[in-house]
C-alpha atoms as a PDB file:
ATOM      1  CA  MET A   1     -42.329   9.761  60.337  1.00  0.00           C
ATOM      2  CA  LYS A   2     -41.917   9.379  64.100  1.00  0.00           C
ATOM      3  CA  LEU A   3     -40.036  12.140  65.912  1.00  0.00           C
ATOM      4  CA  ASN A   4     -38.630  12.448  69.385  1.00  0.00           C
ATOM      5  CA  ARG A   5     -39.268  15.790  71.035  1.00  0.00           C
ATOM      6  CA  ASN A   6     -36.074  17.783  71.452  1.00  0.00           C
ATOM      7  CA  PRO A   7     -36.023  20.698  73.935  1.00  0.00           C
ATOM      8  CA  ASN A   8     -33.622  22.415  71.545  1.00  0.00           C
ATOM      9  CA  SER A   9     -36.070  22.650  68.674  1.00  0.00           C
ATOM     10  CA  ILE A  10     -36.837  25.532  66.338  1.00  0.00           C
ATOM     11  CA  SER A  11     -38.979  26.221  63.297  1.00  0.00           C
ATOM     12  CA  LEU A  12     -37.175  27.770  60.322  1.00  0.00           C
ATOM     13  CA  ALA A  13     -38.853  29.030  57.169  1.00  0.00           C
ATOM     14  CA  TRP A  14     -37.439  30.132  53.847  1.00  0.00           C
ATOM     15  CA  THR A  15     -39.659  32.243  51.613  1.00  0.00           C
ATOM     16  CA  GLY A  16     -39.389  33.941  48.229  1.00  0.00           C
ATOM     17  CA  ALA A  17     -37.388  37.029  49.179  1.00  0.00           C
ATOM     18  CA  SER A  18     -33.813  37.405  48.010  1.00  0.00           C
ATOM     19  CA  GLY A  19     -31.336  36.197  50.615  1.00  0.00           C
ATOM     20  CA  ALA A  20     -31.014  32.425  50.237  1.00  0.00           C
ATOM     21  CA  PRO A  21     -27.422  32.480  51.583  1.00  0.00           C
ATOM     22  CA  TYR A  22     -28.746  33.823  54.893  1.00  0.00           C
ATOM     23  CA  GLY A  23     -31.127  30.892  55.209  1.00  0.00           C
ATOM     24  CA  ILE A  24     -28.496  28.305  54.301  1.00  0.00           C
ATOM     25  CA  LYS A  25     -25.962  29.696  56.776  1.00  0.00           C
ATOM     26  CA  LEU A  26     -28.542  29.942  59.541  1.00  0.00           C
ATOM     27  CA  LEU A  27     -29.570  26.318  59.000  1.00  0.00           C
ATOM     28  CA  GLU A  28     -25.932  25.266  59.167  1.00  0.00           C
ATOM     29  CA  CYS A  29     -25.418  27.119  62.447  1.00  0.00           C
ATOM     30  CA  LEU A  30     -28.581  25.745  64.037  1.00  0.00           C
ATOM     31  CA  LEU A  31     -27.582  22.180  63.208  1.00  0.00           C
ATOM     32  CA  ALA A  32     -24.073  22.844  64.493  1.00  0.00           C
ATOM     33  CA  ALA A  33     -25.666  24.023  67.756  1.00  0.00           C
ATOM     34  CA  ASP A  34     -27.401  20.630  68.013  1.00  0.00           C
ATOM     35  CA  TYR A  35     -30.902  21.941  67.308  1.00  0.00           C
ATOM     36  CA  GLN A  36     -33.804  19.987  65.915  1.00  0.00           C
ATOM     37  CA  VAL A  37     -34.823  22.153  62.944  1.00  0.00           C
ATOM     38  CA  PHE A  38     -38.280  21.987  61.395  1.00  0.00           C
ATOM     39  CA  LEU A  39     -37.695  23.565  57.997  1.00  0.00           C
ATOM     40  CA  MET A  40     -40.510  24.907  55.810  1.00  0.00           C
ATOM     41  CA  ILE A  41     -39.702  26.043  52.267  1.00  0.00           C
ATOM     42  CA  SER A  42     -42.121  27.914  50.030  1.00  0.00           C
ATOM     43  CA  SER A  43     -42.251  27.219  46.296  1.00  0.00           C
ATOM     44  CA  ALA A  44     -40.897  30.717  45.645  1.00  0.00           C
ATOM     45  CA  ALA A  45     -38.014  30.019  48.024  1.00  0.00           C
ATOM     46  CA  ARG A  46     -36.974  27.057  45.882  1.00  0.00           C
ATOM     47  CA  VAL A  47     -36.743  29.410  42.890  1.00  0.00           C
ATOM     48  CA  VAL A  48     -34.583  31.798  44.907  1.00  0.00           C
ATOM     49  CA  LEU A  49     -32.357  28.944  46.107  1.00  0.00           C
ATOM     50  CA  ALA A  50     -31.755  27.856  42.518  1.00  0.00           C
ATOM     51  CA  THR A  51     -31.003  31.414  41.427  1.00  0.00           C
ATOM     52  CA  GLU A  52     -28.827  32.574  44.312  1.00  0.00           C
ATOM     53  CA  HIS A  53     -27.285  29.362  45.611  1.00  0.00           C
ATOM     54  CA  GLY A  54     -27.350  27.078  42.571  1.00  0.00           C
ATOM     55  CA  LEU A  55     -29.350  24.481  44.475  1.00  0.00           C
ATOM     56  CA  GLN A  56     -32.265  22.872  42.635  1.00  0.00           C
ATOM     57  CA  LEU A  57     -34.227  21.748  45.651  1.00  0.00           C
ATOM     58  CA  SER A  58     -36.878  19.055  45.208  1.00  0.00           C
ATOM     59  CA  ALA A  59     -40.504  19.797  46.100  1.00  0.00           C
ATOM     60  CA  ASN A  60     -40.560  16.420  47.853  1.00  0.00           C
ATOM     61  CA  PRO A  61     -39.719  17.023  51.557  1.00  0.00           C
ATOM     62  CA  GLN A  62     -37.745  13.803  52.019  1.00  0.00           C
ATOM     63  CA  LYS A  63     -35.671  14.394  48.881  1.00  0.00           C
ATOM     64  CA  ALA A  64     -35.136  18.041  49.782  1.00  0.00           C
ATOM     65  CA  GLN A  65     -33.994  17.003  53.260  1.00  0.00           C
ATOM     66  CA  GLN A  66     -31.404  14.651  51.785  1.00  0.00           C
ATOM     67  CA  GLN A  67     -30.233  17.294  49.307  1.00  0.00           C
ATOM     68  CA  LEU A  68     -29.671  19.816  52.067  1.00  0.00           C
ATOM     69  CA  LEU A  69     -27.818  17.367  54.273  1.00  0.00           C
ATOM     70  CA  GLU A  70     -25.584  16.437  51.337  1.00  0.00           C
ATOM     71  CA  GLU A  71     -25.014  20.125  50.594  1.00  0.00           C
ATOM     72  CA  LEU A  72     -23.858  20.795  54.136  1.00  0.00           C
ATOM     73  CA  TYR A  73     -21.831  17.601  54.274  1.00  0.00           C
ATOM     74  CA  GLN A  74     -19.964  18.538  51.086  1.00  0.00           C
ATOM     75  CA  ASP A  75     -18.868  21.712  52.819  1.00  0.00           C
ATOM     76  CA  GLY A  76     -17.693  19.717  55.800  1.00  0.00           C
ATOM     77  CA  LYS A  77     -20.236  21.358  58.067  1.00  0.00           C
ATOM     78  CA  LEU A  78     -22.699  18.612  58.883  1.00  0.00           C
ATOM     79  CA  ALA A  79     -23.252  18.456  62.624  1.00  0.00           C
ATOM     80  CA  SER A  80     -25.254  16.460  65.127  1.00  0.00           C
ATOM     81  CA  GLY A  81     -28.496  18.457  64.905  1.00  0.00           C
ATOM     82  CA  GLU A  82     -31.619  16.982  63.345  1.00  0.00           C
ATOM     83  CA  LEU A  83     -33.169  18.363  60.163  1.00  0.00           C
ATOM     84  CA  VAL A  84     -36.842  17.755  59.375  1.00  0.00           C
ATOM     85  CA  VAL A  85     -38.136  19.252  56.119  1.00  0.00           C
ATOM     86  CA  LEU A  86     -41.919  19.674  56.028  1.00  0.00           C
ATOM     87  CA  SER A  87     -44.387  20.198  53.204  1.00  0.00           C
ATOM     88  CA  LYS A  88     -46.752  23.170  53.131  1.00  0.00           C
ATOM     89  CA  ASP A  89     -49.754  21.015  54.111  1.00  0.00           C
ATOM     90  CA  GLU A  90     -48.201  18.743  56.757  1.00  0.00           C
ATOM     91  CA  TRP A  91     -50.819  19.681  59.327  1.00  0.00           C
ATOM     92  CA  PHE A  92     -50.002  16.838  61.719  1.00  0.00           C
ATOM     93  CA  SER A  93     -46.400  18.005  62.211  1.00  0.00           C
ATOM     94  CA  PRO A  94     -45.295  19.622  65.516  1.00  0.00           C
ATOM     95  CA  PRO A  95     -45.185  23.258  64.237  1.00  0.00           C
ATOM     96  CA  ALA A  96     -48.906  23.121  63.410  1.00  0.00           C
ATOM     97  CA  SER A  97     -50.079  22.915  67.023  1.00  0.00           C
ATOM     98  CA  GLY A  98     -49.352  24.767  70.224  1.00  0.00           C
ATOM     99  CA  SER A  99     -49.073  21.460  72.059  1.00  0.00           C
ATOM    100  CA  GLY A 100     -46.072  20.401  70.005  1.00  0.00           C
ATOM    101  CA  ALA A 101     -44.594  23.447  68.293  1.00  0.00           C
ATOM    102  CA  PRO A 102     -41.132  24.801  69.100  1.00  0.00           C
ATOM    103  CA  LYS A 103     -41.211  28.035  71.078  1.00  0.00           C
ATOM    104  CA  LYS A 104     -38.861  29.697  68.604  1.00  0.00           C
ATOM    105  CA  MET A 105     -39.255  30.415  64.884  1.00  0.00           C
ATOM    106  CA  VAL A 106     -37.247  32.361  62.318  1.00  0.00           C
ATOM    107  CA  ILE A 107     -38.431  33.279  58.831  1.00  0.00           C
ATOM    108  CA  CYS A 108     -35.250  34.038  56.902  1.00  0.00           C
ATOM    109  CA  PRO A 109     -35.472  35.403  54.321  1.00  0.00           C
ATOM    110  CA  CYS A 110     -39.011  36.721  54.781  1.00  0.00           C
ATOM    111  CA  SER A 111     -40.923  37.968  51.743  1.00  0.00           C
ATOM    112  CA  THR A 112     -43.345  40.864  52.098  1.00  0.00           C
ATOM    113  CA  GLY A 113     -46.129  38.454  51.133  1.00  0.00           C
ATOM    114  CA  THR A 114     -45.268  36.220  54.083  1.00  0.00           C
ATOM    115  CA  LEU A 115     -44.953  39.304  56.276  1.00  0.00           C
ATOM    116  CA  ALA A 116     -48.506  40.287  55.312  1.00  0.00           C
ATOM    117  CA  ALA A 117     -49.843  36.777  55.929  1.00  0.00           C
ATOM    118  CA  VAL A 118     -48.321  36.585  59.407  1.00  0.00           C
ATOM    119  CA  ALA A 119     -49.436  40.108  60.328  1.00  0.00           C
ATOM    120  CA  THR A 120     -53.041  39.401  59.330  1.00  0.00           C
ATOM    121  CA  GLY A 121     -53.267  35.933  60.876  1.00  0.00           C
ATOM    122  CA  MET A 122     -53.531  33.989  57.636  1.00  0.00           C
ATOM    123  CA  SER A 123     -52.833  30.275  57.967  1.00  0.00           C
ATOM    124  CA  ASN A 124     -53.148  29.009  54.408  1.00  0.00           C
ATOM    125  CA  SER A 125     -49.966  26.960  54.641  1.00  0.00           C
ATOM    126  CA  LEU A 126     -48.016  25.196  57.373  1.00  0.00           C
ATOM    127  CA  LEU A 127     -45.446  27.985  57.276  1.00  0.00           C
ATOM    128  CA  GLU A 128     -48.068  30.637  58.040  1.00  0.00           C
ATOM    129  CA  ARG A 129     -49.757  28.457  60.636  1.00  0.00           C
ATOM    130  CA  ALA A 130     -46.429  27.795  62.366  1.00  0.00           C
ATOM    131  CA  ALA A 131     -45.836  31.524  62.740  1.00  0.00           C
ATOM    132  CA  ASP A 132     -49.369  32.009  64.050  1.00  0.00           C
ATOM    133  CA  VAL A 133     -48.823  29.249  66.619  1.00  0.00           C
ATOM    134  CA  VAL A 134     -45.628  30.840  67.916  1.00  0.00           C
ATOM    135  CA  LEU A 135     -47.481  34.146  68.264  1.00  0.00           C
ATOM    136  CA  LYS A 136     -50.461  32.698  70.120  1.00  0.00           C
ATOM    137  CA  GLU A 137     -48.199  30.667  72.402  1.00  0.00           C
ATOM    138  CA  ARG A 138     -46.178  33.802  73.229  1.00  0.00           C
ATOM    139  CA  GLY A 139     -43.018  32.328  71.788  1.00  0.00           C
ATOM    140  CA  GLN A 140     -40.112  34.016  70.007  1.00  0.00           C
ATOM    141  CA  LEU A 141     -40.652  34.931  66.374  1.00  0.00           C
ATOM    142  CA  ILE A 142     -37.956  36.598  64.254  1.00  0.00           C
ATOM    143  CA  LEU A 143     -38.659  37.870  60.737  1.00  0.00           C
ATOM    144  CA  VAL A 144     -35.829  38.800  58.372  1.00  0.00           C
ATOM    145  CA  PRO A 145     -37.447  40.783  55.547  1.00  0.00           C
ATOM    146  CA  ARG A 146     -35.353  41.530  52.467  1.00  0.00           C
ATOM    147  CA  GLU A 147     -36.979  44.237  50.370  1.00  0.00           C
ATOM    148  CA  THR A 148     -36.159  47.817  49.417  1.00  0.00           C
ATOM    149  CA  PRO A 149     -37.669  50.293  49.606  1.00  0.00           C
ATOM    150  CA  PHE A 150     -40.438  49.438  52.047  1.00  0.00           C
ATOM    151  CA  ASN A 151     -43.841  50.895  51.283  1.00  0.00           C
ATOM    152  CA  ALA A 152     -46.405  51.954  53.874  1.00  0.00           C
ATOM    153  CA  ILE A 153     -48.139  48.566  53.770  1.00  0.00           C
ATOM    154  CA  HIS A 154     -44.892  46.751  54.600  1.00  0.00           C
ATOM    155  CA  LEU A 155     -44.149  49.166  57.428  1.00  0.00           C
ATOM    156  CA  GLU A 156     -47.662  48.876  58.870  1.00  0.00           C
ATOM    157  CA  HIS A 157     -47.341  45.097  58.944  1.00  0.00           C
ATOM    158  CA  MET A 158     -43.947  45.323  60.643  1.00  0.00           C
ATOM    159  CA  LEU A 159     -45.318  47.714  63.242  1.00  0.00           C
ATOM    160  CA  THR A 160     -48.295  45.437  63.912  1.00  0.00           C
ATOM    161  CA  LEU A 161     -45.999  42.477  64.511  1.00  0.00           C
ATOM    162  CA  SER A 162     -43.457  44.457  66.511  1.00  0.00           C
ATOM    163  CA  ARG A 163     -46.226  45.479  68.891  1.00  0.00           C
ATOM    164  CA  LEU A 164     -46.934  41.770  69.393  1.00  0.00           C
ATOM    165  CA  GLY A 165     -43.346  41.161  70.419  1.00  0.00           C
ATOM    166  CA  VAL A 166     -42.016  39.945  67.061  1.00  0.00           C
ATOM    167  CA  THR A 167     -38.420  40.852  66.287  1.00  0.00           C
ATOM    168  CA  ILE A 168     -38.218  42.530  62.887  1.00  0.00           C
ATOM    169  CA  MET A 169     -34.653  42.201  61.658  1.00  0.00           C
ATOM    170  CA  PRO A 170     -34.245  43.479  58.088  1.00  0.00           C
ATOM    171  CA  ALA A 171     -31.360  41.923  56.187  1.00  0.00           C
ATOM    172  CA  SER A 172     -29.140  44.976  56.602  1.00  0.00           C
ATOM    173  CA  PRO A 173     -25.570  43.839  57.262  1.00  0.00           C
ATOM    174  CA  GLY A 174     -23.141  46.326  58.754  1.00  0.00           C
ATOM    175  CA  PHE A 175     -19.779  47.331  57.304  1.00  0.00           C
ATOM    176  CA  TYR A 176     -17.931  48.485  60.425  1.00  0.00           C
ATOM    177  CA  HIS A 177     -16.225  45.103  60.712  1.00  0.00           C
ATOM    178  CA  ASN A 178     -14.552  45.643  57.307  1.00  0.00           C
ATOM    179  CA  PRO A 179     -16.069  42.678  55.457  1.00  0.00           C
ATOM    180  CA  GLN A 180     -13.783  41.095  52.870  1.00  0.00           C
ATOM    181  CA  SER A 181     -16.360  38.922  51.131  1.00  0.00           C
ATOM    182  CA  VAL A 182     -20.074  38.376  50.575  1.00  0.00           C
ATOM    183  CA  GLN A 183     -19.864  35.553  53.110  1.00  0.00           C
ATOM    184  CA  ASP A 184     -18.655  38.038  55.716  1.00  0.00           C
ATOM    185  CA  LEU A 185     -21.839  40.059  55.141  1.00  0.00           C
ATOM    186  CA  VAL A 186     -23.965  36.923  55.380  1.00  0.00           C
ATOM    187  CA  ASN A 187     -22.198  35.911  58.598  1.00  0.00           C
ATOM    188  CA  PHE A 188     -22.845  39.350  60.107  1.00  0.00           C
ATOM    189  CA  MET A 189     -26.592  39.016  59.616  1.00  0.00           C
ATOM    190  CA  VAL A 190     -26.783  35.408  60.769  1.00  0.00           C
ATOM    191  CA  ALA A 191     -24.724  36.302  63.838  1.00  0.00           C
ATOM    192  CA  ARG A 192     -27.316  38.913  64.834  1.00  0.00           C
ATOM    193  CA  ILE A 193     -30.090  36.336  64.479  1.00  0.00           C
ATOM    194  CA  LEU A 194     -28.167  33.844  66.623  1.00  0.00           C
ATOM    195  CA  ASP A 195     -27.585  36.541  69.240  1.00  0.00           C
ATOM    196  CA  HIS A 196     -31.319  37.063  69.588  1.00  0.00           C
ATOM    197  CA  LEU A 197     -31.852  33.310  69.832  1.00  0.00           C
ATOM    198  CA  GLN A 198     -29.144  33.216  72.527  1.00  0.00           C
ATOM    199  CA  ILE A 199     -27.103  30.693  70.569  1.00  0.00           C
ATOM    200  CA  ALA A 200     -23.334  30.965  70.956  1.00  0.00           C
ATOM    201  CA  HIS A 201     -21.277  31.535  67.812  1.00  0.00           C
ATOM    202  CA  THR A 202     -17.953  32.828  66.532  1.00  0.00           C
ATOM    203  CA  LEU A 203     -19.141  34.168  63.175  1.00  0.00           C
ATOM    204  CA  THR A 204     -18.074  37.768  63.756  1.00  0.00           C
ATOM    205  CA  GLN A 205     -15.960  39.897  66.062  1.00  0.00           C
ATOM    206  CA  ARG A 206     -18.128  41.581  68.666  1.00  0.00           C
ATOM    207  CA  TRP A 207     -18.167  45.368  68.755  1.00  0.00           C
ATOM    208  CA  GLY A 208     -15.585  46.943  71.052  1.00  0.00           C
ATOM    209  CA  TYR A 209     -13.815  43.800  72.230  1.00  0.00           C
ATOM    210  CA  ASP A 210     -10.953  44.032  69.740  1.00  0.00           C
ATOM    211  CA  VAL A 211     -10.389  47.680  70.754  1.00  0.00           C
ATOM    212  CA  ILE A 212     -10.226  46.720  74.447  1.00  0.00           C
ATOM    213  CA  ALA A 213      -7.806  43.918  73.629  1.00  0.00           C
ATOM    214  CA  GLU A 214      -5.524  46.355  71.783  1.00  0.00           C
ATOM    215  CA  LYS A 215      -5.565  48.749  74.740  1.00  0.00           C
ATOM    216  CA  ASP A 216      -4.637  45.934  77.111  1.00  0.00           C
ATOM    217  CA  THR A 217      -1.483  45.234  75.077  1.00  0.00           C
ATOM    218  CA  ASP A 218      -0.300  48.859  75.024  1.00  0.00           C
END
């Protein structure tokens, strides 16, 4: 597979934590923003996708890529971005090396096992190596853990990574925007991720702006 380097590229990883709808929505938004997305999916993430999203994703990267594009197309959301699904041992892909890796990566949802692997520098899979590359290249890494409660080990790993500049963004949607559906809660969390990536969106109303608008009409 020959790829052209896109300045708007990002690595995205889905792992075995609950929260598949977050990952699906984030992928949709990244493609809509015309990003080249290198997607890594753990075997546990495929189980979660089947359970929470009803999507039986193939272990074959090319088939999985087609499935995801069809899934987004069915919803009328397919955009001009480029999706590249990678296997766990695709060591010659761009995310595996600092000379070719995107400078941004999001792991969403992030299991506590993946959190531990990233915090301790393990690189037993492409997903873990990709995170390590972003760290060593001083790029932007965002982790979206979904676990409760956190034990001391989880918190120690988060603190270690936070001190390295990693953004730890637990999947904790707010309720002050009066969500009317589960999708509203998903959109809230994905909107916060996009904010940190500096990607424009209209997923949620921004805090305070509706109040100012009401005052202006008084």
